[in-house]
Amino acid sequence: MKVKDADILIVPGYTNSGPEHWQSRWQSKLSTARRVEQAEWSKPVRDDWTSSVAKAVNEAERPVVIVAHSLGVAAAVQAIPQFRRPVAGGFFVAPPDVANPDMRPKHLMTFGPYPRDPLPFPSIVIASRNDPFCAFDIAEDIAGAWGSLFIDAGETGHLNADSGFGPWPEGSMTFAKFLTDLKAP
């Protein structure tokens, strides 16, 4: 699949992805990419966020490829039962441990627990060994349950602009390869 053949949905996490974040950079470079907007970025409500993701998927004109970061991963995965159109693939980066009772702010736990069934589309989960929002073994376990290809990003924090991931050439190359291998559903 090529960029022109897909609706690429950028699904940011808690507080959105700023202009220096890799998601914002990709959105500006990929001609068919658009951001899934949330009414409340700093006080996320699970039903609102999942409805926004489902609406974007269901309104897509081409096969959908979801590019989610952090809480956006949880919103996208929790929205799957609401999808009325098939998704071609999911590119999931730095999923947070939404079942962790130490999660702050506490209301982010309402996005968990994650479903444990295999996802109905090909997916990649990329996680860091020192992400403050998810232990590496938890991310690996989630990816395994979903049937996702799991990629170890090393010690790279939360894979966001604050941890140096504005430009993320390795991520861009990984996404390009993932997209190339996808088939229209």
N, C-alpha and C. Protein backbone atom coordinates (compact mmCIF):
# COMPACT_ATOMS: atom_id res chain seq x y z
N MET A 1 0.84 -1.17 0.00
CA MET A 1 0.00 0.00 0.00
C MET A 1 0.90 1.24 0.00
N LYS A 2 0.44 2.28 -0.67
CA LYS A 2 1.15 3.55 -0.71
C LYS A 2 0.35 4.59 0.06
N VAL A 3 1.02 5.69 0.43
CA VAL A 3 0.35 6.75 1.18
C VAL A 3 -0.93 7.18 0.47
N LYS A 4 -0.88 7.36 -0.84
CA LYS A 4 -2.04 7.85 -1.59
C LYS A 4 -3.22 6.87 -1.57
N ASP A 5 -2.95 5.62 -1.19
CA ASP A 5 -4.00 4.59 -1.17
C ASP A 5 -4.67 4.44 0.19
N ALA A 6 -4.23 5.21 1.18
CA ALA A 6 -4.72 5.03 2.55
C ALA A 6 -5.16 6.36 3.16
N ASP A 7 -6.10 6.28 4.07
CA ASP A 7 -6.40 7.40 4.96
C ASP A 7 -5.59 7.13 6.22
N ILE A 8 -4.58 7.95 6.46
CA ILE A 8 -3.71 7.77 7.61
C ILE A 8 -4.24 8.64 8.74
N LEU A 9 -4.68 7.99 9.80
CA LEU A 9 -5.26 8.70 10.93
C LEU A 9 -4.23 8.82 12.05
N ILE A 10 -3.84 10.05 12.33
CA ILE A 10 -2.91 10.36 13.41
C ILE A 10 -3.73 10.48 14.69
N VAL A 11 -3.43 9.63 15.67
CA VAL A 11 -4.18 9.63 16.93
C VAL A 11 -3.21 9.94 18.07
N PRO A 12 -3.12 11.22 18.45
CA PRO A 12 -2.22 11.61 19.54
C PRO A 12 -2.75 11.15 20.90
N GLY A 13 -1.88 11.27 21.88
CA GLY A 13 -2.25 10.91 23.24
C GLY A 13 -2.63 12.11 24.09
N TYR A 14 -2.56 11.90 25.38
CA TYR A 14 -2.90 12.90 26.39
C TYR A 14 -2.20 14.23 26.11
N THR A 15 -2.92 15.29 26.09
CA THR A 15 -2.52 16.68 25.82
C THR A 15 -2.14 16.95 24.36
N ASN A 16 -2.37 16.00 23.46
CA ASN A 16 -2.11 16.17 22.03
C ASN A 16 -0.61 16.10 21.73
N SER A 17 -0.26 16.09 20.48
CA SER A 17 1.13 16.09 20.05
C SER A 17 1.45 17.48 19.49
N GLY A 18 2.41 18.13 20.10
CA GLY A 18 2.79 19.48 19.68
C GLY A 18 3.48 19.52 18.33
N PRO A 19 3.83 20.71 17.86
CA PRO A 19 4.40 20.88 16.52
C PRO A 19 5.74 20.18 16.31
N GLU A 20 6.49 19.94 17.38
CA GLU A 20 7.79 19.28 17.25
C GLU A 20 7.70 17.76 17.35
N HIS A 21 6.56 17.24 17.75
CA HIS A 21 6.36 15.80 17.92
C HIS A 21 6.41 15.11 16.56
N TRP A 22 6.93 13.90 16.51
CA TRP A 22 7.01 13.16 15.25
C TRP A 22 5.64 12.99 14.59
N GLN A 23 4.56 12.83 15.36
CA GLN A 23 3.24 12.69 14.75
C GLN A 23 2.85 13.94 13.96
N SER A 24 3.11 15.11 14.52
CA SER A 24 2.79 16.36 13.82
C SER A 24 3.65 16.51 12.57
N ARG A 25 4.89 16.14 12.66
CA ARG A 25 5.79 16.20 11.50
C ARG A 25 5.32 15.25 10.39
N TRP A 26 4.94 14.04 10.77
CA TRP A 26 4.45 13.08 9.78
C TRP A 26 3.16 13.58 9.15
N GLN A 27 2.28 14.13 9.96
CA GLN A 27 1.00 14.63 9.44
C GLN A 27 1.24 15.69 8.37
N SER A 28 2.23 16.54 8.57
CA SER A 28 2.49 17.60 7.59
C SER A 28 3.16 17.07 6.32
N LYS A 29 3.79 15.90 6.41
CA LYS A 29 4.50 15.34 5.26
C LYS A 29 3.70 14.30 4.47
N LEU A 30 2.77 13.63 5.12
CA LEU A 30 2.01 12.57 4.47
C LEU A 30 0.71 13.16 3.92
N SER A 31 0.56 13.13 2.63
CA SER A 31 -0.54 13.83 1.96
C SER A 31 -1.94 13.38 2.38
N THR A 32 -2.09 12.15 2.82
CA THR A 32 -3.43 11.66 3.18
C THR A 32 -3.60 11.52 4.69
N ALA A 33 -2.70 12.12 5.46
CA ALA A 33 -2.78 12.03 6.92
C ALA A 33 -3.65 13.15 7.48
N ARG A 34 -4.43 12.77 8.49
CA ARG A 34 -5.19 13.78 9.22
C ARG A 34 -5.26 13.37 10.68
N ARG A 35 -5.32 14.36 11.52
CA ARG A 35 -5.35 14.15 12.97
C ARG A 35 -6.77 13.88 13.44
N VAL A 36 -6.91 12.92 14.33
CA VAL A 36 -8.18 12.70 15.01
C VAL A 36 -8.21 13.71 16.16
N GLU A 37 -9.10 14.68 16.05
CA GLU A 37 -9.20 15.74 17.05
C GLU A 37 -10.06 15.27 18.22
N GLN A 38 -9.68 15.71 19.40
CA GLN A 38 -10.45 15.41 20.60
C GLN A 38 -10.97 16.72 21.19
N ALA A 39 -12.17 16.70 21.72
CA ALA A 39 -12.76 17.90 22.31
C ALA A 39 -11.98 18.35 23.55
N GLU A 40 -11.44 17.40 24.27
CA GLU A 40 -10.76 17.71 25.53
C GLU A 40 -9.45 16.95 25.60
N TRP A 41 -8.35 17.61 25.24
CA TRP A 41 -7.05 16.95 25.22
C TRP A 41 -6.48 16.73 26.62
N SER A 42 -6.76 17.63 27.55
CA SER A 42 -6.13 17.53 28.87
C SER A 42 -7.00 16.84 29.93
N LYS A 43 -8.27 16.57 29.59
CA LYS A 43 -9.15 15.80 30.49
C LYS A 43 -9.87 14.75 29.66
N PRO A 44 -9.10 13.75 29.18
CA PRO A 44 -9.69 12.76 28.28
C PRO A 44 -10.79 11.92 28.92
N VAL A 45 -11.85 11.73 28.16
CA VAL A 45 -12.95 10.86 28.57
C VAL A 45 -12.97 9.72 27.57
N ARG A 46 -12.85 8.51 28.07
CA ARG A 46 -12.73 7.34 27.20
C ARG A 46 -13.81 7.28 26.12
N ASP A 47 -15.08 7.42 26.49
CA ASP A 47 -16.15 7.32 25.49
C ASP A 47 -16.03 8.39 24.41
N ASP A 48 -15.66 9.59 24.80
CA ASP A 48 -15.49 10.68 23.82
C ASP A 48 -14.33 10.40 22.88
N TRP A 49 -13.21 9.96 23.46
CA TRP A 49 -12.03 9.71 22.64
C TRP A 49 -12.27 8.52 21.68
N THR A 50 -12.84 7.44 22.19
CA THR A 50 -13.06 6.29 21.31
C THR A 50 -14.09 6.64 20.23
N SER A 51 -15.09 7.43 20.56
CA SER A 51 -16.09 7.85 19.56
C SER A 51 -15.44 8.69 18.46
N SER A 52 -14.50 9.56 18.83
CA SER A 52 -13.80 10.38 17.84
C SER A 52 -12.96 9.51 16.89
N VAL A 53 -12.29 8.52 17.46
CA VAL A 53 -11.49 7.61 16.62
C VAL A 53 -12.41 6.82 15.70
N ALA A 54 -13.49 6.26 16.24
CA ALA A 54 -14.42 5.46 15.43
C ALA A 54 -15.05 6.31 14.32
N LYS A 55 -15.41 7.53 14.64
CA LYS A 55 -16.02 8.43 13.64
C LYS A 55 -15.04 8.66 12.49
N ALA A 56 -13.77 8.91 12.81
CA ALA A 56 -12.76 9.14 11.78
C ALA A 56 -12.57 7.90 10.90
N VAL A 57 -12.53 6.72 11.54
CA VAL A 57 -12.40 5.47 10.77
C VAL A 57 -13.62 5.28 9.88
N ASN A 58 -14.80 5.46 10.44
CA ASN A 58 -16.04 5.19 9.70
C ASN A 58 -16.30 6.19 8.59
N GLU A 59 -15.71 7.38 8.66
CA GLU A 59 -15.88 8.38 7.60
C GLU A 59 -14.79 8.31 6.54
N ALA A 60 -13.80 7.46 6.73
CA ALA A 60 -12.68 7.37 5.79
C ALA A 60 -13.16 6.91 4.41
N GLU A 61 -12.48 7.41 3.40
CA GLU A 61 -12.82 7.05 2.02
C GLU A 61 -11.91 5.98 1.46
N ARG A 62 -10.73 5.83 2.04
CA ARG A 62 -9.76 4.82 1.62
C ARG A 62 -9.50 3.89 2.79
N PRO A 63 -8.78 2.81 2.56
CA PRO A 63 -8.40 1.95 3.68
C PRO A 63 -7.67 2.77 4.75
N VAL A 64 -7.95 2.48 6.00
CA VAL A 64 -7.42 3.25 7.13
C VAL A 64 -6.16 2.61 7.69
N VAL A 65 -5.18 3.48 7.97
CA VAL A 65 -4.00 3.08 8.73
C VAL A 65 -3.93 4.03 9.91
N ILE A 66 -3.97 3.46 11.10
CA ILE A 66 -3.95 4.25 12.34
C ILE A 66 -2.51 4.39 12.82
N VAL A 67 -2.12 5.63 13.11
CA VAL A 67 -0.81 5.93 13.68
C VAL A 67 -1.06 6.57 15.04
N ALA A 68 -0.94 5.77 16.10
CA ALA A 68 -1.30 6.23 17.44
C ALA A 68 -0.09 6.28 18.35
N HIS A 69 -0.11 7.27 19.25
CA HIS A 69 0.94 7.41 20.26
C HIS A 69 0.29 7.48 21.64
N SER A 70 0.88 6.79 22.58
CA SER A 70 0.52 6.87 23.99
C SER A 70 -0.97 6.61 24.22
N LEU A 71 -1.67 7.53 24.87
CA LEU A 71 -3.09 7.30 25.17
C LEU A 71 -3.91 7.16 23.88
N GLY A 72 -3.39 7.66 22.77
CA GLY A 72 -4.04 7.45 21.47
C GLY A 72 -4.11 5.98 21.11
N VAL A 73 -3.11 5.20 21.54
CA VAL A 73 -3.13 3.75 21.31
C VAL A 73 -4.33 3.15 22.04
N ALA A 74 -4.48 3.52 23.32
CA ALA A 74 -5.60 2.99 24.11
C ALA A 74 -6.93 3.39 23.48
N ALA A 75 -7.06 4.65 23.06
CA ALA A 75 -8.31 5.11 22.45
C ALA A 75 -8.60 4.33 21.17
N ALA A 76 -7.59 4.13 20.35
CA ALA A 76 -7.78 3.41 19.07
C ALA A 76 -8.19 1.96 19.31
N VAL A 77 -7.50 1.28 20.19
CA VAL A 77 -7.80 -0.13 20.44
C VAL A 77 -9.17 -0.30 21.10
N GLN A 78 -9.49 0.59 22.03
CA GLN A 78 -10.80 0.50 22.68
C GLN A 78 -11.94 0.86 21.72
N ALA A 79 -11.63 1.58 20.63
CA ALA A 79 -12.66 1.98 19.66
C ALA A 79 -12.98 0.89 18.64
N ILE A 80 -12.16 -0.14 18.54
CA ILE A 80 -12.33 -1.17 17.50
C ILE A 80 -13.76 -1.71 17.41
N PRO A 81 -14.45 -2.00 18.50
CA PRO A 81 -15.82 -2.53 18.37
C PRO A 81 -16.78 -1.56 17.66
N GLN A 82 -16.44 -0.28 17.61
CA GLN A 82 -17.30 0.71 16.96
C GLN A 82 -16.97 0.90 15.47
N PHE A 83 -15.90 0.27 15.00
CA PHE A 83 -15.52 0.44 13.59
C PHE A 83 -16.52 -0.26 12.69
N ARG A 84 -17.02 0.45 11.69
CA ARG A 84 -17.90 -0.13 10.68
C ARG A 84 -17.17 -0.34 9.35
N ARG A 85 -15.94 0.11 9.30
CA ARG A 85 -15.10 -0.10 8.11
C ARG A 85 -13.86 -0.87 8.55
N PRO A 86 -13.35 -1.71 7.68
CA PRO A 86 -12.13 -2.43 8.05
C PRO A 86 -10.92 -1.49 8.09
N VAL A 87 -9.99 -1.81 8.96
CA VAL A 87 -8.75 -1.06 9.10
C VAL A 87 -7.64 -1.90 8.47
N ALA A 88 -6.78 -1.24 7.70
CA ALA A 88 -5.69 -1.96 7.03
C ALA A 88 -4.54 -2.25 7.98
N GLY A 89 -4.30 -1.34 8.95
CA GLY A 89 -3.19 -1.56 9.87
C GLY A 89 -3.13 -0.55 10.98
N GLY A 90 -2.39 -0.91 12.04
CA GLY A 90 -2.19 -0.03 13.18
C GLY A 90 -0.72 0.07 13.53
N PHE A 91 -0.24 1.29 13.65
CA PHE A 91 1.14 1.58 14.02
C PHE A 91 1.09 2.24 15.39
N PHE A 92 1.39 1.47 16.44
CA PHE A 92 1.16 1.89 17.82
C PHE A 92 2.48 2.13 18.55
N VAL A 93 2.66 3.35 19.04
CA VAL A 93 3.93 3.74 19.64
C VAL A 93 3.71 4.14 21.11
N ALA A 94 4.51 3.56 21.98
CA ALA A 94 4.53 3.88 23.41
C ALA A 94 3.17 3.75 24.08
N PRO A 95 2.54 2.56 23.99
CA PRO A 95 1.26 2.40 24.68
C PRO A 95 1.45 2.53 26.19
N PRO A 96 0.60 3.30 26.85
CA PRO A 96 0.74 3.43 28.30
C PRO A 96 0.11 2.23 29.01
N ASP A 97 0.54 1.99 30.22
CA ASP A 97 -0.04 0.91 31.03
C ASP A 97 -1.28 1.48 31.72
N VAL A 98 -2.42 1.41 31.04
CA VAL A 98 -3.65 1.99 31.56
C VAL A 98 -4.30 1.15 32.66
N ALA A 99 -3.68 0.04 33.03
CA ALA A 99 -4.17 -0.76 34.15
C ALA A 99 -3.32 -0.54 35.40
N ASN A 100 -2.30 0.31 35.31
CA ASN A 100 -1.39 0.56 36.43
C ASN A 100 -2.06 1.50 37.44
N PRO A 101 -2.28 1.05 38.68
CA PRO A 101 -2.95 1.90 39.68
C PRO A 101 -2.14 3.14 40.04
N ASP A 102 -0.85 3.16 39.69
CA ASP A 102 -0.01 4.34 39.96
C ASP A 102 -0.05 5.36 38.82
N MET A 103 -0.84 5.08 37.78
CA MET A 103 -0.95 5.98 36.62
C MET A 103 -1.42 7.35 37.09
N ARG A 104 -0.79 8.39 36.58
CA ARG A 104 -1.22 9.76 36.86
C ARG A 104 -1.31 10.52 35.56
N PRO A 105 -2.31 11.36 35.38
CA PRO A 105 -3.46 11.52 36.24
C PRO A 105 -4.29 10.24 36.29
N LYS A 106 -4.90 10.02 37.42
CA LYS A 106 -5.62 8.78 37.72
C LYS A 106 -6.73 8.45 36.71
N HIS A 107 -7.41 9.49 36.18
CA HIS A 107 -8.54 9.22 35.28
C HIS A 107 -8.11 8.57 33.96
N LEU A 108 -6.80 8.54 33.66
CA LEU A 108 -6.34 7.86 32.44
C LEU A 108 -6.55 6.35 32.55
N MET A 109 -6.68 5.84 33.78
CA MET A 109 -6.94 4.41 33.97
C MET A 109 -8.30 4.00 33.40
N THR A 110 -9.20 4.96 33.18
CA THR A 110 -10.51 4.61 32.61
C THR A 110 -10.38 4.07 31.19
N PHE A 111 -9.20 4.25 30.57
CA PHE A 111 -8.96 3.73 29.22
C PHE A 111 -8.55 2.26 29.26
N GLY A 112 -8.42 1.69 30.42
CA GLY A 112 -8.01 0.31 30.54
C GLY A 112 -9.12 -0.53 31.15
N PRO A 113 -8.86 -1.81 31.31
CA PRO A 113 -7.68 -2.50 30.79
C PRO A 113 -7.79 -2.71 29.28
N TYR A 114 -6.67 -2.99 28.68
CA TYR A 114 -6.67 -3.27 27.24
C TYR A 114 -7.37 -4.60 26.96
N PRO A 115 -8.06 -4.69 25.82
CA PRO A 115 -8.57 -6.01 25.42
C PRO A 115 -7.38 -6.93 25.14
N ARG A 116 -7.57 -8.19 25.35
CA ARG A 116 -6.49 -9.17 25.17
C ARG A 116 -6.66 -10.00 23.90
N ASP A 117 -7.69 -9.73 23.12
CA ASP A 117 -7.91 -10.49 21.89
C ASP A 117 -6.98 -9.99 20.77
N PRO A 118 -6.63 -10.89 19.84
CA PRO A 118 -5.83 -10.43 18.70
C PRO A 118 -6.59 -9.34 17.93
N LEU A 119 -5.84 -8.35 17.46
CA LEU A 119 -6.44 -7.26 16.70
C LEU A 119 -6.89 -7.78 15.33
N PRO A 120 -7.94 -7.18 14.77
CA PRO A 120 -8.46 -7.65 13.48
C PRO A 120 -7.71 -7.08 12.27
N PHE A 121 -6.51 -6.57 12.49
CA PHE A 121 -5.69 -6.01 11.40
C PHE A 121 -4.22 -6.13 11.80
N PRO A 122 -3.32 -6.09 10.81
CA PRO A 122 -1.89 -6.14 11.13
C PRO A 122 -1.48 -4.92 11.96
N SER A 123 -0.54 -5.13 12.87
CA SER A 123 -0.12 -4.01 13.71
C SER A 123 1.32 -4.18 14.17
N ILE A 124 1.88 -3.03 14.53
CA ILE A 124 3.21 -2.96 15.13
C ILE A 124 3.05 -2.21 16.44
N VAL A 125 3.73 -2.67 17.47
CA VAL A 125 3.83 -1.94 18.73
C VAL A 125 5.31 -1.64 18.95
N ILE A 126 5.62 -0.37 19.14
CA ILE A 126 6.99 0.06 19.41
C ILE A 126 7.03 0.59 20.84
N ALA A 127 7.95 0.06 21.64
CA ALA A 127 8.03 0.46 23.05
C ALA A 127 9.48 0.68 23.46
N SER A 128 9.62 1.51 24.47
CA SER A 128 10.92 1.85 25.03
C SER A 128 11.16 1.06 26.31
N ARG A 129 12.40 0.80 26.60
CA ARG A 129 12.76 0.06 27.82
C ARG A 129 12.67 0.94 29.07
N ASN A 130 12.61 2.26 28.90
CA ASN A 130 12.53 3.14 30.07
C ASN A 130 11.40 4.16 29.93
N ASP A 131 10.31 3.74 29.34
CA ASP A 131 9.14 4.61 29.23
C ASP A 131 8.54 4.80 30.62
N PRO A 132 8.39 6.04 31.08
CA PRO A 132 7.85 6.24 32.43
C PRO A 132 6.36 5.87 32.55
N PHE A 133 5.69 5.65 31.42
CA PHE A 133 4.25 5.36 31.46
C PHE A 133 3.90 3.90 31.20
N CYS A 134 4.93 3.07 30.96
CA CYS A 134 4.66 1.64 30.76
C CYS A 134 5.96 0.85 30.88
N ALA A 135 5.93 -0.15 31.75
CA ALA A 135 7.07 -1.05 31.86
C ALA A 135 7.22 -1.82 30.55
N PHE A 136 8.45 -2.07 30.16
CA PHE A 136 8.74 -2.74 28.89
C PHE A 136 8.05 -4.10 28.79
N ASP A 137 8.09 -4.89 29.86
CA ASP A 137 7.49 -6.22 29.81
C ASP A 137 5.97 -6.15 29.64
N ILE A 138 5.34 -5.11 30.17
CA ILE A 138 3.89 -4.93 29.99
C ILE A 138 3.59 -4.63 28.53
N ALA A 139 4.37 -3.72 27.91
CA ALA A 139 4.17 -3.38 26.50
C ALA A 139 4.38 -4.61 25.62
N GLU A 140 5.39 -5.40 25.93
CA GLU A 140 5.66 -6.62 25.16
C GLU A 140 4.51 -7.61 25.31
N ASP A 141 3.96 -7.74 26.51
CA ASP A 141 2.84 -8.63 26.76
C ASP A 141 1.59 -8.18 25.98
N ILE A 142 1.32 -6.88 26.00
CA ILE A 142 0.17 -6.32 25.26
C ILE A 142 0.32 -6.63 23.77
N ALA A 143 1.50 -6.37 23.24
CA ALA A 143 1.75 -6.63 21.81
C ALA A 143 1.54 -8.10 21.49
N GLY A 144 2.00 -8.98 22.36
CA GLY A 144 1.82 -10.41 22.14
C GLY A 144 0.36 -10.81 22.12
N ALA A 145 -0.42 -10.27 23.05
CA ALA A 145 -1.85 -10.58 23.11
C ALA A 145 -2.55 -10.11 21.83
N TRP A 146 -2.15 -8.97 21.32
CA TRP A 146 -2.77 -8.41 20.11
C TRP A 146 -2.30 -9.06 18.82
N GLY A 147 -1.22 -9.86 18.90
CA GLY A 147 -0.66 -10.44 17.68
C GLY A 147 0.15 -9.43 16.88
N SER A 148 0.63 -8.40 17.56
CA SER A 148 1.39 -7.33 16.91
C SER A 148 2.87 -7.68 16.80
N LEU A 149 3.51 -7.19 15.76
CA LEU A 149 4.96 -7.23 15.70
C LEU A 149 5.45 -6.27 16.78
N PHE A 150 6.37 -6.73 17.62
CA PHE A 150 6.86 -5.90 18.72
C PHE A 150 8.27 -5.43 18.41
N ILE A 151 8.48 -4.12 18.53
CA ILE A 151 9.80 -3.54 18.26
C ILE A 151 10.33 -2.87 19.52
N ASP A 152 11.53 -3.28 19.92
CA ASP A 152 12.23 -2.74 21.08
C ASP A 152 12.96 -1.47 20.63
N ALA A 153 12.55 -0.32 21.15
CA ALA A 153 13.16 0.96 20.77
C ALA A 153 14.35 1.32 21.65
N GLY A 154 14.76 0.41 22.53
CA GLY A 154 15.88 0.71 23.42
C GLY A 154 15.44 1.64 24.54
N GLU A 155 16.39 2.34 25.12
CA GLU A 155 16.08 3.27 26.20
C GLU A 155 15.84 4.65 25.60
N THR A 156 14.59 4.88 25.25
CA THR A 156 14.23 6.09 24.51
C THR A 156 13.08 6.87 25.14
N GLY A 157 12.84 6.66 26.43
CA GLY A 157 11.79 7.41 27.11
C GLY A 157 10.42 7.13 26.52
N HIS A 158 9.61 8.15 26.42
CA HIS A 158 8.23 8.00 25.96
C HIS A 158 8.07 8.18 24.45
N LEU A 159 9.18 8.19 23.73
CA LEU A 159 9.16 8.33 22.27
C LEU A 159 8.33 9.54 21.84
N ASN A 160 8.56 10.66 22.48
CA ASN A 160 7.87 11.89 22.15
C ASN A 160 8.90 13.02 22.00
N ALA A 161 8.43 14.22 21.74
CA ALA A 161 9.35 15.35 21.53
C ALA A 161 10.20 15.61 22.77
N ASP A 162 9.62 15.43 23.96
CA ASP A 162 10.38 15.66 25.20
C ASP A 162 11.56 14.69 25.35
N SER A 163 11.45 13.52 24.75
CA SER A 163 12.56 12.56 24.84
C SER A 163 13.39 12.55 23.55
N GLY A 164 13.25 13.62 22.74
CA GLY A 164 14.09 13.79 21.56
C GLY A 164 13.53 13.22 20.28
N PHE A 165 12.24 12.90 20.26
CA PHE A 165 11.65 12.30 19.07
C PHE A 165 10.73 13.28 18.35
N GLY A 166 11.36 14.38 17.87
CA GLY A 166 10.69 15.26 16.93
C GLY A 166 10.90 14.59 15.59
N PRO A 167 12.09 14.81 15.01
CA PRO A 167 12.40 14.01 13.83
C PRO A 167 12.69 12.58 14.34
N TRP A 168 12.10 11.63 13.69
CA TRP A 168 12.29 10.24 14.09
C TRP A 168 12.49 9.42 12.83
N PRO A 169 13.69 9.52 12.24
CA PRO A 169 13.91 8.84 10.96
C PRO A 169 13.73 7.33 11.02
N GLU A 170 14.13 6.71 12.13
CA GLU A 170 13.96 5.25 12.24
C GLU A 170 12.48 4.88 12.25
N GLY A 171 11.69 5.67 12.95
CA GLY A 171 10.25 5.44 12.98
C GLY A 171 9.63 5.63 11.62
N SER A 172 10.07 6.66 10.93
CA SER A 172 9.55 6.93 9.58
C SER A 172 9.87 5.79 8.62
N MET A 173 11.09 5.27 8.71
CA MET A 173 11.46 4.14 7.85
C MET A 173 10.67 2.88 8.22
N THR A 174 10.48 2.66 9.50
CA THR A 174 9.70 1.50 9.95
C THR A 174 8.26 1.62 9.47
N PHE A 175 7.68 2.82 9.58
CA PHE A 175 6.32 3.03 9.11
C PHE A 175 6.22 2.83 7.59
N ALA A 176 7.19 3.34 6.85
CA ALA A 176 7.18 3.19 5.38
C ALA A 176 7.19 1.71 4.99
N LYS A 177 8.01 0.92 5.66
CA LYS A 177 8.07 -0.52 5.38
C LYS A 177 6.75 -1.19 5.76
N PHE A 178 6.21 -0.82 6.91
CA PHE A 178 4.92 -1.37 7.37
C PHE A 178 3.83 -1.07 6.34
N LEU A 179 3.76 0.18 5.91
CA LEU A 179 2.74 0.60 4.95
C LEU A 179 2.89 -0.16 3.63
N THR A 180 4.11 -0.29 3.16
CA THR A 180 4.38 -1.01 1.90
C THR A 180 3.89 -2.46 1.96
N ASP A 181 3.99 -3.08 3.13
CA ASP A 181 3.60 -4.48 3.27
C ASP A 181 2.10 -4.70 3.48
N LEU A 182 1.37 -3.61 3.75
CA LEU A 182 -0.07 -3.74 4.01
C LEU A 182 -0.86 -3.98 2.72
N LYS A 183 -1.92 -4.72 2.87
CA LYS A 183 -2.85 -4.97 1.77
C LYS A 183 -4.18 -4.29 2.13
N ALA A 184 -4.88 -3.81 1.15
CA ALA A 184 -6.20 -3.22 1.40
C ALA A 184 -7.11 -4.29 1.96
N PRO A 185 -7.88 -3.95 3.01
CA PRO A 185 -8.76 -4.96 3.61
C PRO A 185 -9.91 -5.33 2.69
